[in-house]
């Protein structure tokens, strides 16, 4: 079994960052893009995920307040806010994926 957080223990290929980012959580719904083996990380970095989630919520509140102030409360402001919410989540998800690749171990589920 591999001790790396980026190499699949089944096929010994790099699982990549995108397959980790698509998973809802690092310990469920995660598959190797090459051999389709069900994988999970151990240990899951829950403290890091929680801190990033709180930071994300803070950023969302600030962005939502600025968007509503600049655009007013209209349909356009809501659409812009939703687009910003999705765009801002990507760096946080990338940070979580990179942290797990560096500090956790991939195991078969």
N, C-alpha and C. Protein backbone atom coordinates (compact mmCIF):
# COMPACT_ATOMS: atom_id res chain seq x y z
N UNK A 1 0.84 -1.17 0.00
CA UNK A 1 0.00 0.00 0.00
C UNK A 1 0.89 1.24 0.00
N UNK A 2 0.49 2.23 -0.76
CA UNK A 2 1.24 3.47 -0.86
C UNK A 2 1.03 4.34 0.38
N UNK A 3 2.05 5.06 0.77
CA UNK A 3 1.92 5.99 1.89
C UNK A 3 1.77 7.42 1.39
N UNK A 4 1.57 7.59 0.11
CA UNK A 4 1.45 8.91 -0.48
C UNK A 4 -0.01 9.36 -0.51
N UNK A 5 -0.20 10.66 -0.45
CA UNK A 5 -1.54 11.21 -0.55
C UNK A 5 -1.93 11.54 -1.96
N UNK A 6 -1.08 11.22 -2.92
CA UNK A 6 -1.40 11.53 -4.31
C UNK A 6 -1.38 10.31 -5.23
N UNK A 7 -0.86 9.19 -4.76
CA UNK A 7 -0.73 7.98 -5.57
C UNK A 7 -1.80 6.97 -5.15
N UNK A 8 -2.54 6.46 -6.13
CA UNK A 8 -3.57 5.46 -5.87
C UNK A 8 -2.92 4.16 -5.39
N UNK A 9 -3.40 3.59 -4.29
CA UNK A 9 -2.80 2.34 -3.81
C UNK A 9 -3.13 1.15 -4.70
N UNK A 10 -4.15 1.27 -5.57
CA UNK A 10 -4.52 0.16 -6.45
C UNK A 10 -3.71 0.12 -7.73
N UNK A 11 -3.61 1.26 -8.42
CA UNK A 11 -2.96 1.26 -9.73
C UNK A 11 -1.63 2.01 -9.74
N UNK A 12 -1.25 2.64 -8.62
CA UNK A 12 0.01 3.36 -8.47
C UNK A 12 0.15 4.55 -9.42
N UNK A 13 -0.98 5.17 -9.79
CA UNK A 13 -0.96 6.38 -10.62
C UNK A 13 -1.43 7.57 -9.79
N UNK A 14 -1.01 8.75 -10.20
CA UNK A 14 -1.40 9.97 -9.50
C UNK A 14 -2.89 10.22 -9.72
N UNK A 15 -3.62 10.47 -8.63
CA UNK A 15 -5.07 10.67 -8.74
C UNK A 15 -5.41 12.08 -9.18
N UNK A 16 -4.49 13.01 -9.10
CA UNK A 16 -4.72 14.37 -9.54
C UNK A 16 -5.51 15.17 -8.52
N UNK A 17 -5.54 16.46 -8.72
CA UNK A 17 -6.23 17.36 -7.80
C UNK A 17 -7.72 17.44 -8.13
N UNK A 18 -8.06 17.40 -9.41
CA UNK A 18 -9.45 17.56 -9.80
C UNK A 18 -10.36 16.46 -9.24
N UNK A 19 -9.90 15.23 -9.23
CA UNK A 19 -10.73 14.15 -8.69
C UNK A 19 -10.96 14.34 -7.19
N UNK A 20 -10.02 14.94 -6.48
CA UNK A 20 -10.20 15.22 -5.06
C UNK A 20 -11.17 16.38 -4.89
N UNK A 21 -11.05 17.40 -5.72
CA UNK A 21 -11.91 18.58 -5.60
C UNK A 21 -13.37 18.24 -5.90
N UNK A 22 -13.61 17.27 -6.76
CA UNK A 22 -15.00 16.91 -7.11
C UNK A 22 -15.70 16.16 -5.99
N UNK A 23 -14.96 15.55 -5.09
CA UNK A 23 -15.56 14.77 -4.00
C UNK A 23 -16.25 15.70 -3.01
N UNK A 24 -17.42 15.32 -2.49
CA UNK A 24 -18.10 16.16 -1.50
C UNK A 24 -17.28 16.32 -0.22
N UNK A 25 -16.66 15.26 0.23
CA UNK A 25 -15.77 15.28 1.38
C UNK A 25 -14.60 14.36 1.07
N UNK A 26 -13.46 14.58 1.72
CA UNK A 26 -12.28 13.76 1.40
C UNK A 26 -12.40 12.29 1.78
N UNK A 27 -13.42 11.93 2.55
CA UNK A 27 -13.55 10.53 2.95
C UNK A 27 -14.76 9.84 2.34
N UNK A 28 -15.51 10.52 1.46
CA UNK A 28 -16.63 9.87 0.77
C UNK A 28 -16.67 10.31 -0.70
N UNK A 29 -17.17 9.46 -1.55
CA UNK A 29 -17.40 9.81 -2.95
C UNK A 29 -16.17 10.14 -3.75
N UNK A 30 -15.07 9.49 -3.48
CA UNK A 30 -13.80 9.80 -4.12
C UNK A 30 -13.29 8.56 -4.83
N UNK A 31 -13.02 8.67 -6.13
CA UNK A 31 -12.57 7.53 -6.93
C UNK A 31 -11.31 7.90 -7.71
N UNK A 32 -10.48 6.89 -7.93
CA UNK A 32 -9.30 7.07 -8.78
C UNK A 32 -9.78 7.27 -10.21
N UNK A 33 -9.28 8.29 -10.91
CA UNK A 33 -9.73 8.50 -12.29
C UNK A 33 -9.22 7.44 -13.27
N UNK A 34 -8.23 6.65 -12.87
CA UNK A 34 -7.64 5.65 -13.75
C UNK A 34 -8.28 4.28 -13.60
N UNK A 35 -8.31 3.78 -12.35
CA UNK A 35 -8.82 2.41 -12.13
C UNK A 35 -10.21 2.40 -11.48
N UNK A 36 -10.73 3.57 -11.15
CA UNK A 36 -12.07 3.72 -10.55
C UNK A 36 -12.21 3.09 -9.17
N UNK A 37 -11.10 2.85 -8.49
CA UNK A 37 -11.15 2.30 -7.14
C UNK A 37 -11.67 3.36 -6.17
N UNK A 38 -12.52 2.93 -5.25
CA UNK A 38 -13.03 3.84 -4.22
C UNK A 38 -11.91 4.12 -3.22
N UNK A 39 -11.63 5.40 -2.98
CA UNK A 39 -10.53 5.80 -2.12
C UNK A 39 -11.01 6.76 -1.04
N UNK A 40 -10.22 6.88 0.01
CA UNK A 40 -10.48 7.90 1.02
C UNK A 40 -9.15 8.29 1.65
N UNK A 41 -9.15 9.44 2.29
CA UNK A 41 -7.96 9.92 2.97
C UNK A 41 -8.03 9.58 4.45
N UNK A 42 -6.88 9.24 5.00
CA UNK A 42 -6.78 9.03 6.43
C UNK A 42 -5.46 9.62 6.90
N UNK A 43 -5.39 10.40 7.89
CA UNK A 43 -6.51 11.01 8.59
C UNK A 43 -7.06 12.19 7.80
N UNK A 44 -8.34 12.45 7.95
CA UNK A 44 -8.97 13.60 7.31
C UNK A 44 -8.62 14.84 8.13
N UNK A 45 -8.25 15.88 7.48
CA UNK A 45 -7.82 17.12 8.14
C UNK A 45 -9.04 17.98 8.49
N UNK A 46 -9.88 17.50 9.44
CA UNK A 46 -11.13 18.19 9.76
C UNK A 46 -10.91 19.58 10.33
N UNK A 47 -9.90 19.77 11.15
CA UNK A 47 -9.62 21.09 11.71
C UNK A 47 -9.31 22.11 10.63
N UNK A 48 -8.48 21.71 9.68
CA UNK A 48 -8.13 22.58 8.56
C UNK A 48 -9.36 22.90 7.71
N UNK A 49 -10.18 21.88 7.45
CA UNK A 49 -11.40 22.09 6.66
C UNK A 49 -12.34 23.05 7.39
N UNK A 50 -12.49 22.89 8.70
CA UNK A 50 -13.38 23.75 9.48
C UNK A 50 -12.90 25.21 9.47
N UNK A 51 -11.59 25.41 9.66
CA UNK A 51 -11.05 26.77 9.65
C UNK A 51 -11.23 27.41 8.28
N UNK A 52 -10.97 26.67 7.21
CA UNK A 52 -11.17 27.21 5.87
C UNK A 52 -12.63 27.52 5.60
N UNK A 53 -13.54 26.67 6.11
CA UNK A 53 -14.96 26.91 5.92
C UNK A 53 -15.40 28.19 6.64
N UNK A 54 -14.90 28.41 7.85
CA UNK A 54 -15.22 29.65 8.56
C UNK A 54 -14.67 30.88 7.82
N UNK A 55 -13.47 30.76 7.31
CA UNK A 55 -12.89 31.84 6.52
C UNK A 55 -13.71 32.10 5.26
N UNK A 56 -14.15 31.02 4.62
CA UNK A 56 -14.99 31.14 3.43
C UNK A 56 -16.30 31.86 3.75
N UNK A 57 -16.93 31.51 4.88
CA UNK A 57 -18.17 32.18 5.27
C UNK A 57 -17.94 33.66 5.53
N UNK A 58 -16.83 34.00 6.15
CA UNK A 58 -16.51 35.40 6.38
C UNK A 58 -16.34 36.16 5.06
N UNK A 59 -15.63 35.56 4.13
CA UNK A 59 -15.45 36.18 2.81
C UNK A 59 -16.80 36.34 2.12
N UNK A 60 -17.67 35.34 2.23
CA UNK A 60 -18.99 35.44 1.60
C UNK A 60 -19.82 36.58 2.17
N UNK A 61 -19.77 36.76 3.48
CA UNK A 61 -20.53 37.84 4.10
C UNK A 61 -20.03 39.20 3.59
N UNK A 62 -18.72 39.36 3.54
CA UNK A 62 -18.15 40.62 3.06
C UNK A 62 -18.50 40.85 1.60
N UNK A 63 -18.36 39.83 0.77
CA UNK A 63 -18.67 39.97 -0.66
C UNK A 63 -20.16 40.23 -0.87
N UNK A 64 -21.02 39.53 -0.12
CA UNK A 64 -22.47 39.74 -0.27
C UNK A 64 -22.84 41.16 0.14
N UNK A 65 -22.26 41.67 1.22
CA UNK A 65 -22.55 43.04 1.65
C UNK A 65 -22.08 44.05 0.60
N UNK A 66 -20.89 43.83 0.06
CA UNK A 66 -20.36 44.74 -0.97
C UNK A 66 -21.20 44.67 -2.24
N UNK A 67 -21.61 43.47 -2.64
CA UNK A 67 -22.41 43.32 -3.85
C UNK A 67 -23.77 43.99 -3.68
N UNK A 68 -24.40 43.79 -2.54
CA UNK A 68 -25.70 44.41 -2.31
C UNK A 68 -25.58 45.93 -2.22
N UNK A 69 -24.49 46.41 -1.66
CA UNK A 69 -24.28 47.85 -1.57
C UNK A 69 -24.06 48.46 -2.95
N UNK A 70 -23.26 47.78 -3.77
CA UNK A 70 -22.94 48.32 -5.10
C UNK A 70 -24.06 48.13 -6.11
N UNK A 71 -24.73 46.98 -6.08
CA UNK A 71 -25.74 46.68 -7.09
C UNK A 71 -27.17 46.83 -6.59
N UNK A 72 -27.35 46.94 -5.31
CA UNK A 72 -28.70 47.00 -4.76
C UNK A 72 -29.30 45.59 -4.70
N UNK A 73 -30.44 45.48 -4.05
CA UNK A 73 -31.10 44.18 -3.93
C UNK A 73 -32.02 44.00 -5.13
N UNK A 74 -31.50 43.35 -6.13
CA UNK A 74 -32.23 43.06 -7.36
C UNK A 74 -31.87 41.65 -7.82
N UNK A 75 -32.54 41.21 -8.84
CA UNK A 75 -32.26 39.88 -9.40
C UNK A 75 -30.81 39.81 -9.89
N UNK A 76 -30.35 40.86 -10.52
CA UNK A 76 -28.99 40.88 -11.04
C UNK A 76 -27.97 40.72 -9.91
N UNK A 77 -28.23 41.36 -8.78
CA UNK A 77 -27.33 41.24 -7.63
C UNK A 77 -27.31 39.81 -7.10
N UNK A 78 -28.45 39.16 -7.10
CA UNK A 78 -28.51 37.77 -6.63
C UNK A 78 -27.73 36.85 -7.56
N UNK A 79 -27.87 37.03 -8.85
CA UNK A 79 -27.13 36.21 -9.82
C UNK A 79 -25.63 36.45 -9.69
N UNK A 80 -25.25 37.70 -9.55
CA UNK A 80 -23.83 38.02 -9.39
C UNK A 80 -23.30 37.41 -8.09
N UNK A 81 -24.09 37.50 -7.02
CA UNK A 81 -23.67 36.92 -5.74
C UNK A 81 -23.48 35.41 -5.84
N UNK A 82 -24.38 34.73 -6.51
CA UNK A 82 -24.25 33.27 -6.67
C UNK A 82 -23.01 32.91 -7.49
N UNK A 83 -22.73 33.67 -8.53
CA UNK A 83 -21.53 33.42 -9.32
C UNK A 83 -20.27 33.65 -8.50
N UNK A 84 -20.29 34.69 -7.67
CA UNK A 84 -19.14 34.97 -6.81
C UNK A 84 -18.96 33.88 -5.78
N UNK A 85 -20.06 33.40 -5.21
CA UNK A 85 -19.99 32.32 -4.22
C UNK A 85 -19.31 31.08 -4.82
N UNK A 86 -19.73 30.70 -6.01
CA UNK A 86 -19.12 29.53 -6.65
C UNK A 86 -17.66 29.78 -7.01
N UNK A 87 -17.37 30.96 -7.51
CA UNK A 87 -15.98 31.27 -7.90
C UNK A 87 -15.06 31.32 -6.69
N UNK A 88 -15.57 31.79 -5.56
CA UNK A 88 -14.73 31.88 -4.37
C UNK A 88 -14.49 30.53 -3.70
N UNK A 89 -15.35 29.55 -3.96
CA UNK A 89 -15.18 28.25 -3.32
C UNK A 89 -14.00 27.48 -3.93
N UNK A 90 -13.69 27.71 -5.17
CA UNK A 90 -12.64 26.95 -5.86
C UNK A 90 -11.28 27.06 -5.16
N UNK A 91 -10.81 28.26 -4.78
CA UNK A 91 -9.51 28.30 -4.08
C UNK A 91 -9.51 27.56 -2.74
N UNK A 92 -10.63 27.61 -2.03
CA UNK A 92 -10.72 26.91 -0.76
C UNK A 92 -10.69 25.39 -0.97
N UNK A 93 -11.41 24.93 -1.96
CA UNK A 93 -11.41 23.50 -2.28
C UNK A 93 -10.03 23.05 -2.74
N UNK A 94 -9.36 23.88 -3.51
CA UNK A 94 -8.00 23.57 -3.96
C UNK A 94 -7.04 23.48 -2.77
N UNK A 95 -7.19 24.38 -1.81
CA UNK A 95 -6.33 24.33 -0.61
C UNK A 95 -6.56 23.04 0.17
N UNK A 96 -7.82 22.63 0.30
CA UNK A 96 -8.12 21.39 1.01
C UNK A 96 -7.52 20.19 0.28
N UNK A 97 -7.66 20.16 -1.05
CA UNK A 97 -7.12 19.05 -1.83
C UNK A 97 -5.60 18.98 -1.73
N UNK A 98 -4.94 20.12 -1.84
CA UNK A 98 -3.48 20.13 -1.76
C UNK A 98 -2.99 19.73 -0.38
N UNK A 99 -3.71 20.14 0.66
CA UNK A 99 -3.32 19.78 2.04
C UNK A 99 -3.43 18.27 2.24
N UNK A 100 -4.52 17.67 1.72
CA UNK A 100 -4.66 16.23 1.88
C UNK A 100 -3.63 15.46 1.06
N UNK A 101 -3.31 15.94 -0.12
CA UNK A 101 -2.28 15.29 -0.91
C UNK A 101 -0.93 15.31 -0.20
N UNK A 102 -0.67 16.38 0.54
CA UNK A 102 0.63 16.54 1.20
C UNK A 102 0.71 15.85 2.56
N UNK A 103 -0.43 15.78 3.29
CA UNK A 103 -0.34 15.35 4.68
C UNK A 103 -1.15 14.12 5.04
N UNK A 104 -1.93 13.59 4.12
CA UNK A 104 -2.74 12.42 4.44
C UNK A 104 -2.35 11.25 3.57
N UNK A 105 -2.86 10.09 3.89
CA UNK A 105 -2.57 8.87 3.16
C UNK A 105 -3.83 8.42 2.44
N UNK A 106 -3.66 8.01 1.19
CA UNK A 106 -4.77 7.44 0.42
C UNK A 106 -4.88 5.95 0.74
N UNK A 107 -6.08 5.52 1.06
CA UNK A 107 -6.33 4.10 1.27
C UNK A 107 -7.58 3.70 0.49
N UNK A 108 -7.70 2.40 0.23
CA UNK A 108 -8.90 1.89 -0.44
C UNK A 108 -10.06 1.92 0.55
N UNK A 109 -11.20 2.26 0.04
CA UNK A 109 -12.39 2.36 0.89
C UNK A 109 -12.99 0.99 1.14
